Amino acid sequence: MSAVMLAYGLIKMKYCGAAFVLLAALATLSLAEQVSYRNYKVYDIQVDSIEKHTVLKRWEEVKGVDFWDRAGKRVMIAPMLQDAFERFLTMNGFTFVRSIEDVEATIEAERQYDQEYRRRKAASGRATVDFEHFWTIDEVETYLEDLAYEYPSLVRVETIGTSHLGRRIKSITISTNNGVAGTKPIVFIDGGIHAREWAGVMSVVYLIHELVEHSNDYADLLAKDWVIVPVANPDGYEFSHTSNRMWRKNRFPATVLCTGIDLNRNWDYMWVFSSNACSDSYAGTSAFSELETQALNRVMLRYQSDIVLYLAVHTYGDMILYPYGHSWPFVPVTNQAAHIALGEQARAAVTAVGGPDYIVGNSAEILYTANGCSDDYAAGVIGARYAYTLELTGGGSTGFDLPASEIQNVATQTFEIFRTMANNA
């Protein structure tokens, strides 16, 4: 069964009391990787009820459909599915607009900027650290190793594991105790678990840059130890740079035809099996089935008793989300009032420097339920005093293609979130 045939079946399913059954034929859809997004369109959709949200999210199982935000309000649709998708939206009473007519055009503009930037930098002979372009995995790794060499009394860089393709997963520990964590409360941060979320990686790298290269300015922050994994999904991150800009998952061959596991559905807290290995939110065959989540978990368990603040850095949406997100009605985290208060402090800190007005709330309440997520695991298993997912500011046409000229601005705004939360956790 083709994706088009399946989609035309879906438009007949109304959300009002209709049984919405996804066919087993999903597994037989064509799975050739689409590295070009020519004529792919993005729809901005008004989702004004839980019922509508639930029925809309069933499209997440269809090859050629990509939900760009956790709320399901921005959806990218392949050309062959667009007529069916628009009919479905109309029949079910959704209000929508086409916000991007050709996704590939936005990707090409981003690529051209990066190529021109690298030509200019090579011609200038500059070798200084900058936040004027999106770094590759090699650039991030080299920077971490340089910091470990230049600041041995403050920094320790460790390979905490390897990815499916054998890439090193690097952590950096920043501590006034000769780079060894565990003598003070720990802030644990990971970025890049979703490959295409480059602005999140850059914001984490900027934090590292400030803490290490300007350590004299941040005695307050260095009252805690920091354990940071800037690129938790190195295979996917590299693939998004070289082959498929919109890639989200890791690069594990889930089946003969399907590649990738959503690493933020693979944690061992209320993990739920999902049968469609082609889905962008495929959770894997079991909790912690993936080398990347195993590596992160080992480090978190090592410092379990000392982690007071856990932050998973994502893009995009201007949201500060706290646990638990696995069910609706949502299960409140034990110290929910404290989570809300700290989130509101961070929100105020961002707006004070001219940043956007973040939303603070429970992820299941603001967005939708999701199982096997890292922030739920950090709160429910690790016992971190505070655990959040940060959905940072988007930009450009897609939200993921933040203009390179805005990297520094977003990174400095996000730094205020890091600083406020760390100082008050």
Protein backbone atom coordinates (compact mmCIF):
# COMPACT_ATOMS: atom_id res chain seq x y z
CA MET A 1 0.00 0.00 0.00
CA SER A 2 1.38 3.41 -0.95
CA ALA A 3 1.57 6.36 1.39
CA VAL A 4 -0.94 8.16 -0.81
CA MET A 5 -3.48 5.34 -0.56
CA LEU A 6 -3.01 5.22 3.21
CA ALA A 7 -3.44 8.97 3.54
CA TYR A 8 -6.69 8.96 1.56
CA GLY A 9 -7.90 6.31 3.97
CA LEU A 10 -7.05 8.57 6.88
CA ILE A 11 -9.09 11.52 5.64
CA LYS A 12 -12.26 9.46 6.08
CA MET A 13 -11.61 9.05 9.80
CA LYS A 14 -13.25 11.87 11.73
CA TYR A 15 -12.15 12.57 15.27
CA CYS A 16 -15.72 12.56 16.65
CA GLY A 17 -16.20 9.01 17.91
CA ALA A 18 -14.59 7.35 14.90
CA ALA A 19 -12.38 4.33 15.31
CA PHE A 20 -9.01 5.35 13.96
CA VAL A 21 -7.11 2.20 13.00
CA LEU A 22 -3.64 2.42 11.45
CA LEU A 23 -3.09 -0.33 8.96
CA ALA A 24 -0.33 -2.87 9.28
CA ALA A 25 0.62 -1.95 5.74
CA LEU A 26 2.46 1.08 7.19
CA ALA A 27 5.50 -1.13 7.53
CA THR A 28 5.58 -1.71 3.78
CA LEU A 29 5.80 1.94 2.76
CA SER A 30 8.72 3.06 0.67
CA LEU A 31 11.59 3.92 2.99
CA ALA A 32 14.12 5.44 0.65
CA GLU A 33 15.72 8.32 2.52
CA GLN A 34 14.63 11.68 1.24
CA VAL A 35 17.59 14.04 1.29
CA SER A 36 15.86 16.61 -0.87
CA TYR A 37 12.78 18.41 0.38
CA ARG A 38 11.82 20.04 -2.91
CA ASN A 39 8.17 21.12 -2.82
CA TYR A 40 7.63 19.79 0.70
CA LYS A 41 5.23 22.14 2.43
CA VAL A 42 4.81 23.12 6.07
CA TYR A 43 1.35 23.63 7.53
CA ASP A 44 0.63 25.76 10.58
CA ILE A 45 -2.46 24.24 12.18
CA GLN A 46 -4.77 25.51 14.89
CA VAL A 47 -5.29 22.63 17.32
CA ASP A 48 -7.95 23.69 19.80
CA SER A 49 -8.91 20.46 21.56
CA ILE A 50 -7.34 17.29 22.89
CA GLU A 51 -9.56 15.27 20.54
CA LYS A 52 -8.28 17.10 17.49
CA HIS A 53 -4.72 16.81 18.69
CA THR A 54 -5.10 13.06 19.17
CA VAL A 55 -6.48 12.42 15.71
CA LEU A 56 -3.95 14.72 14.04
CA LYS A 57 -1.03 12.94 15.71
CA ARG A 58 -2.04 9.69 13.99
CA TRP A 59 -0.50 11.16 10.85
CA GLU A 60 2.84 10.92 12.62
CA GLU A 61 2.89 7.25 11.59
CA VAL A 62 2.78 8.05 7.87
CA LYS A 63 6.00 8.16 5.86
CA GLY A 64 6.40 11.64 4.40
CA VAL A 65 4.81 13.39 7.38
CA ASP A 66 7.03 15.16 9.92
CA PHE A 67 5.74 16.91 13.05
CA TRP A 68 8.09 19.79 13.76
CA ASP A 69 6.91 20.71 17.20
CA ARG A 70 5.68 18.62 20.09
CA ALA A 71 2.33 20.38 20.04
CA GLY A 72 1.63 19.14 16.51
CA LYS A 73 0.96 22.64 15.24
CA ARG A 74 3.62 22.65 12.49
CA VAL A 75 3.69 19.69 10.16
CA MET A 76 5.82 19.09 7.06
CA ILE A 77 4.10 17.09 4.30
CA ALA A 78 5.60 15.40 1.24
CA PRO A 79 4.21 16.51 -2.14
CA MET A 80 2.31 13.27 -2.83
CA LEU A 81 0.38 13.58 0.46
CA GLN A 82 -0.53 17.26 0.42
CA ASP A 83 -3.95 16.98 -1.24
CA ALA A 84 -5.00 14.18 1.10
CA PHE A 85 -3.71 16.04 4.15
CA GLU A 86 -5.54 19.25 3.26
CA ARG A 87 -8.77 17.33 2.69
CA PHE A 88 -8.34 15.67 6.07
CA LEU A 89 -7.80 19.01 7.81
CA THR A 90 -10.82 20.56 6.11
CA MET A 91 -13.14 17.63 6.81
CA ASN A 92 -12.19 17.63 10.48
CA GLY A 93 -12.61 21.35 11.01
CA PHE A 94 -8.96 22.38 11.39
CA THR A 95 -7.96 25.94 10.56
CA PHE A 96 -4.59 25.97 8.78
CA VAL A 97 -2.24 27.91 6.53
CA ARG A 98 0.71 26.82 4.41
CA SER A 99 3.61 28.65 6.04
CA ILE A 100 6.40 27.23 3.84
CA GLU A 101 5.85 26.36 0.19
CA ASP A 102 9.23 24.74 -0.47
CA VAL A 103 11.33 23.45 2.44
CA GLU A 104 14.29 22.69 0.19
CA ALA A 105 14.64 26.39 -0.66
CA THR A 106 15.19 27.22 3.01
CA ILE A 107 17.74 24.41 3.38
CA GLU A 108 19.61 25.59 0.30
CA ALA A 109 19.82 29.13 1.68
CA GLU A 110 21.26 27.82 4.95
CA ARG A 111 23.77 25.64 3.09
CA GLN A 112 24.89 28.48 0.85
CA TYR A 113 25.48 30.75 3.84
CA ASP A 114 27.59 28.10 5.55
CA GLN A 115 29.69 27.49 2.44
CA GLU A 116 30.28 31.21 1.97
CA TYR A 117 31.14 31.64 5.65
CA ARG A 118 33.74 28.88 5.51
CA ARG A 119 35.29 30.36 2.37
CA ARG A 120 35.58 33.76 4.04
CA LYS A 121 37.04 32.31 7.21
CA ALA A 122 39.61 30.25 5.30
CA ALA A 123 40.62 33.32 3.32
CA SER A 124 41.00 35.41 6.46
CA GLY A 125 43.17 32.84 8.21
CA ARG A 126 41.17 33.25 11.46
CA ALA A 127 41.21 30.30 13.81
CA THR A 128 39.35 31.84 16.72
CA VAL A 129 36.22 30.41 18.29
CA ASP A 130 33.07 32.07 16.99
CA PHE A 131 29.33 31.64 17.07
CA GLU A 132 28.69 32.81 13.53
CA HIS A 133 28.03 29.38 12.04
CA PHE A 134 26.72 25.99 13.11
CA TRP A 135 29.56 23.74 14.19
CA THR A 136 30.10 20.24 12.88
CA ILE A 137 30.66 17.31 15.23
CA ASP A 138 34.39 17.48 14.50
CA GLU A 139 34.50 21.16 15.43
CA VAL A 140 32.71 20.49 18.71
CA GLU A 141 35.03 17.60 19.60
CA THR A 142 38.16 19.57 18.73
CA TYR A 143 37.00 22.48 20.87
CA LEU A 144 36.39 20.24 23.88
CA GLU A 145 39.82 18.66 23.56
CA ASP A 146 41.44 22.09 23.24
CA LEU A 147 39.74 23.22 26.44
CA ALA A 148 40.92 20.13 28.30
CA TYR A 149 44.48 20.87 27.20
CA GLU A 150 44.38 24.60 27.99
CA TYR A 151 42.45 24.43 31.28
CA PRO A 152 43.51 21.19 33.01
CA SER A 153 42.65 22.49 36.48
CA LEU A 154 39.06 23.19 35.45
CA VAL A 155 38.12 20.81 32.64
CA ARG A 156 38.03 17.09 32.09
CA VAL A 157 36.83 15.62 28.78
CA GLU A 158 35.77 11.99 28.67
CA THR A 159 34.53 9.57 26.04
CA ILE A 160 31.46 8.17 27.77
CA GLY A 161 30.55 5.75 25.00
CA THR A 162 30.37 5.24 21.27
CA SER A 163 27.52 5.53 18.82
CA HIS A 164 26.25 2.84 16.47
CA LEU A 165 28.67 4.04 13.79
CA GLY A 166 31.56 4.20 16.25
CA ARG A 167 31.66 7.93 16.86
CA ARG A 168 32.76 9.02 20.29
CA ILE A 169 30.17 10.48 22.64
CA LYS A 170 32.00 13.16 24.59
CA SER A 171 31.23 14.71 27.95
CA ILE A 172 32.94 17.69 29.51
CA THR A 173 33.13 18.13 33.26
CA ILE A 174 33.73 21.65 34.51
CA SER A 175 34.77 21.78 38.15
CA THR A 176 37.15 23.82 40.26
CA ASN A 177 38.20 20.48 41.74
CA ASN A 178 40.60 19.85 38.84
CA GLY A 179 37.75 18.99 36.53
CA VAL A 180 36.49 16.16 38.74
CA ALA A 181 32.81 16.35 39.62
CA GLY A 182 31.17 15.08 42.76
CA THR A 183 32.44 17.42 45.46
CA LYS A 184 29.58 19.89 44.85
CA PRO A 185 26.01 19.72 43.56
CA ILE A 186 25.93 18.87 39.86
CA VAL A 187 24.15 20.44 36.91
CA PHE A 188 23.76 17.82 34.15
CA ILE A 189 22.99 19.00 30.62
CA ASP A 190 22.66 17.23 27.30
CA GLY A 191 22.09 18.68 23.84
CA GLY A 192 21.72 17.40 20.32
CA ILE A 193 19.77 14.26 21.17
CA HIS A 194 17.58 15.19 18.20
CA ALA A 195 19.96 15.55 15.29
CA ARG A 196 18.47 18.51 13.45
CA GLU A 197 18.26 20.79 16.49
CA TRP A 198 21.51 22.62 15.81
CA ALA A 199 20.69 25.77 17.77
CA GLY A 200 20.43 23.70 20.94
CA VAL A 201 23.92 22.32 20.42
CA MET A 202 25.30 25.80 19.84
CA SER A 203 23.66 27.14 23.00
CA VAL A 204 25.24 24.35 25.03
CA VAL A 205 28.65 24.98 23.44
CA TYR A 206 28.30 28.68 24.24
CA LEU A 207 27.62 27.80 27.88
CA ILE A 208 30.81 25.72 27.94
CA HIS A 209 32.73 28.58 26.35
CA GLU A 210 31.56 31.05 28.98
CA LEU A 211 32.11 28.76 31.98
CA VAL A 212 35.63 27.81 30.92
CA GLU A 213 37.12 30.71 28.99
CA HIS A 214 35.53 33.34 31.22
CA SER A 215 35.53 31.41 34.48
CA ASN A 216 36.65 34.44 36.49
CA ASP A 217 33.30 36.06 35.70
CA TYR A 218 31.21 33.17 36.98
CA ALA A 219 32.19 32.31 40.52
CA ASP A 220 28.48 31.92 41.24
CA LEU A 221 28.05 29.22 38.62
CA LEU A 222 31.25 27.41 39.55
CA ALA A 223 29.88 26.89 43.03
CA LYS A 224 28.39 23.85 41.33
CA ASP A 225 29.98 21.18 39.15
CA TRP A 226 28.84 20.85 35.54
CA VAL A 227 28.62 17.65 33.52
CA ILE A 228 27.68 18.42 29.93
CA VAL A 229 27.18 16.26 26.83
CA PRO A 230 26.86 18.80 24.01
CA VAL A 231 26.11 16.28 21.22
CA ALA A 232 24.34 13.21 22.57
CA ASN A 233 23.54 11.88 19.08
CA PRO A 234 26.76 12.27 17.06
CA ASP A 235 25.76 10.00 14.16
CA GLY A 236 22.47 11.78 13.63
CA TYR A 237 24.02 15.22 14.08
CA GLU A 238 26.66 14.48 11.45
CA PHE A 239 24.06 13.02 9.10
CA SER A 240 21.92 16.15 9.42
CA HIS A 241 24.95 18.20 8.36
CA THR A 242 26.05 16.04 5.44
CA SER A 243 23.00 14.26 4.03
CA ASN A 244 19.57 15.07 5.43
CA ARG A 245 19.05 18.40 7.17
CA MET A 246 15.76 17.35 8.75
CA TRP A 247 17.02 14.09 10.27
CA ARG A 248 15.90 13.62 13.89
CA LYS A 249 16.82 10.12 15.11
CA ASN A 250 20.07 8.23 15.54
CA ARG A 251 21.43 6.04 12.73
CA PHE A 252 20.78 2.55 14.04
CA PRO A 253 19.20 0.27 11.40
CA ALA A 254 15.92 -0.42 13.17
CA THR A 255 14.83 -2.82 10.42
CA VAL A 256 16.13 -3.78 6.99
CA LEU A 257 14.25 -0.80 5.57
CA CYS A 258 14.00 1.68 8.44
CA THR A 259 16.81 3.64 10.07
CA GLY A 260 16.89 5.36 13.41
CA ILE A 261 15.55 5.43 16.96
CA ASP A 262 14.16 8.55 18.64
CA LEU A 263 16.58 8.76 21.54
CA ASN A 264 14.15 10.87 23.53
CA ARG A 265 11.64 8.01 23.59
CA ASN A 266 14.22 5.40 24.61
CA TRP A 267 14.63 6.07 28.34
CA ASP A 268 13.57 3.55 30.95
CA TYR A 269 10.73 5.49 32.53
CA MET A 270 7.20 4.62 31.40
CA TRP A 271 8.73 3.44 28.12
CA VAL A 272 6.14 2.15 25.63
CA PHE A 273 6.73 -0.10 22.62
CA SER A 274 5.89 1.40 19.23
CA SER A 275 5.52 -0.91 16.26
CA ASN A 276 6.25 1.48 13.38
CA ALA A 277 10.02 1.60 12.99
CA CYS A 278 9.62 4.16 10.21
CA SER A 279 8.17 6.77 12.54
CA ASP A 280 10.31 9.72 13.57
CA SER A 281 9.29 8.97 17.16
CA TYR A 282 10.07 5.24 17.05
CA ALA A 283 11.08 4.26 20.60
CA GLY A 284 13.22 1.21 19.79
CA THR A 285 12.80 -2.43 20.75
CA SER A 286 13.24 -1.77 24.46
CA ALA A 287 14.17 0.97 26.89
CA PHE A 288 17.87 1.80 26.67
CA SER A 289 18.25 -0.29 23.53
CA GLU A 290 20.54 2.38 22.08
CA LEU A 291 24.23 2.95 22.74
CA GLU A 292 23.71 6.69 23.03
CA THR A 293 21.10 6.54 25.79
CA GLN A 294 23.10 3.82 27.54
CA ALA A 295 26.13 6.13 27.60
CA LEU A 296 24.15 9.05 29.01
CA ASN A 297 22.55 6.83 31.62
CA ARG A 298 25.89 5.47 32.85
CA VAL A 299 27.12 8.98 33.58
CA MET A 300 23.86 10.02 35.21
CA LEU A 301 23.94 6.97 37.47
CA ARG A 302 27.56 7.70 38.39
CA TYR A 303 26.56 11.11 39.72
CA GLN A 304 23.02 10.20 40.74
CA SER A 305 23.24 11.38 44.33
CA ASP A 306 24.71 14.76 43.34
CA ILE A 307 22.55 15.86 40.39
CA VAL A 308 20.34 18.73 41.50
CA LEU A 309 19.43 20.06 38.05
CA TYR A 310 18.93 18.18 34.79
CA LEU A 311 18.36 20.05 31.52
CA ALA A 312 17.61 18.49 28.15
CA VAL A 313 18.19 21.18 25.53
CA HIS A 314 15.98 21.05 22.42
CA THR A 315 14.57 23.37 19.77
CA TYR A 316 12.15 24.84 19.21
CA GLY A 317 9.12 26.49 20.81
CA ASP A 318 10.08 28.93 23.62
CA MET A 319 9.04 26.50 26.36
CA ILE A 320 10.34 25.43 29.76
CA LEU A 321 8.76 22.03 30.42
CA TYR A 322 8.78 19.97 33.60
CA PRO A 323 7.80 16.30 34.27
CA TYR A 324 5.88 14.13 34.03
CA GLY A 325 4.81 13.89 30.41
CA HIS A 326 3.92 10.23 30.06
CA SER A 327 0.17 10.36 30.70
CA TRP A 328 -2.95 12.52 30.69
CA PRO A 329 -4.23 13.75 33.06
CA PHE A 330 -0.61 14.39 33.90
CA VAL A 331 1.10 13.05 36.99
CA PRO A 332 2.66 16.03 38.81
CA VAL A 333 6.29 15.87 39.78
CA THR A 334 6.67 15.74 43.56
CA ASN A 335 7.91 19.32 43.90
CA GLN A 336 5.77 20.79 41.15
CA ALA A 337 5.42 24.19 42.80
CA ALA A 338 9.20 24.51 43.04
CA HIS A 339 9.56 23.50 39.37
CA ILE A 340 7.08 26.16 38.36
CA ALA A 341 8.78 28.81 40.50
CA LEU A 342 12.25 28.09 39.10
CA GLY A 343 10.89 27.98 35.57
CA GLU A 344 9.26 31.37 36.06
CA GLN A 345 12.53 32.80 37.35
CA ALA A 346 14.26 31.58 34.19
CA ARG A 347 11.48 32.97 32.05
CA ALA A 348 11.87 36.40 33.67
CA ALA A 349 15.65 36.29 33.17
CA VAL A 350 15.23 35.74 29.43
CA THR A 351 12.70 38.52 28.96
CA ALA A 352 14.93 40.86 30.99
CA VAL A 353 17.62 40.60 28.27
CA GLY A 354 15.15 41.09 25.43
CA GLY A 355 14.42 37.44 24.78
CA PRO A 356 11.07 35.83 24.02
CA ASP A 357 8.38 35.19 26.59
CA TYR A 358 8.79 31.49 27.36
CA ILE A 359 5.87 29.31 28.43
CA VAL A 360 6.42 27.39 31.67
CA GLY A 361 4.42 24.24 32.27
CA ASN A 362 4.00 20.50 32.31
CA SER A 363 4.88 18.90 28.98
CA ALA A 364 1.75 16.73 28.79
CA GLU A 365 -0.47 19.68 29.61
CA ILE A 366 1.12 22.17 27.22
CA LEU A 367 1.95 19.74 24.43
CA TYR A 368 1.03 16.07 24.50
CA THR A 369 1.92 12.85 26.23
CA ALA A 370 5.22 11.19 25.38
CA ASN A 371 6.76 8.12 26.96
CA GLY A 372 10.38 7.25 27.62
CA CYS A 373 11.64 10.85 27.76
CA SER A 374 14.87 11.90 29.44
CA ASP A 375 13.41 14.54 31.76
CA ASP A 376 10.88 12.08 33.17
CA TYR A 377 13.71 9.61 33.75
CA ALA A 378 15.88 12.24 35.43
CA ALA A 379 13.08 13.08 37.85
CA GLY A 380 11.56 9.65 38.35
CA VAL A 381 14.65 7.42 38.48
CA ILE A 382 17.73 9.59 38.99
CA GLY A 383 15.89 11.74 41.51
CA ALA A 384 17.20 15.08 40.26
CA ARG A 385 15.75 17.87 42.37
CA TYR A 386 14.80 19.73 39.20
CA ALA A 387 14.41 18.31 35.69
CA TYR A 388 13.36 20.21 32.58
CA THR A 389 13.21 20.04 28.84
CA LEU A 390 14.05 23.39 27.27
CA GLU A 391 12.53 24.08 23.86
CA LEU A 392 14.60 27.05 22.75
CA THR A 393 13.78 29.82 20.32
CA GLY A 394 13.39 28.87 16.69
CA GLY A 395 13.91 31.07 13.69
CA GLY A 396 14.24 31.24 9.95
CA SER A 397 11.54 29.62 7.88
CA THR A 398 11.42 26.19 9.44
CA GLY A 399 12.23 26.93 13.07
CA PHE A 400 15.21 24.59 12.85
CA ASP A 401 17.05 26.82 10.37
CA LEU A 402 17.84 29.61 12.81
CA PRO A 403 19.81 32.18 10.82
CA ALA A 404 23.48 31.93 11.70
CA SER A 405 23.42 35.64 12.47
CA GLU A 406 21.06 34.82 15.37
CA ILE A 407 23.17 32.07 16.99
CA GLN A 408 24.95 34.43 19.37
CA ASN A 409 21.71 36.13 20.35
CA VAL A 410 19.86 32.90 21.12
CA ALA A 411 22.88 31.45 22.91
CA THR A 412 23.24 34.47 25.19
CA GLN A 413 19.52 34.42 25.98
CA THR A 414 19.68 30.71 26.76
CA PHE A 415 22.71 31.32 28.96
CA GLU A 416 20.45 33.37 31.23
CA ILE A 417 18.20 30.32 31.62
CA PHE A 418 21.20 28.16 32.51
CA ARG A 419 22.54 30.74 34.92
CA THR A 420 19.27 31.43 36.69
CA MET A 421 18.37 27.78 37.09
CA ALA A 422 21.83 26.73 38.27
CA ASN A 423 22.04 29.51 40.82
CA ASN A 424 18.63 28.73 42.29
CA ALA A 425 18.45 24.94 42.07
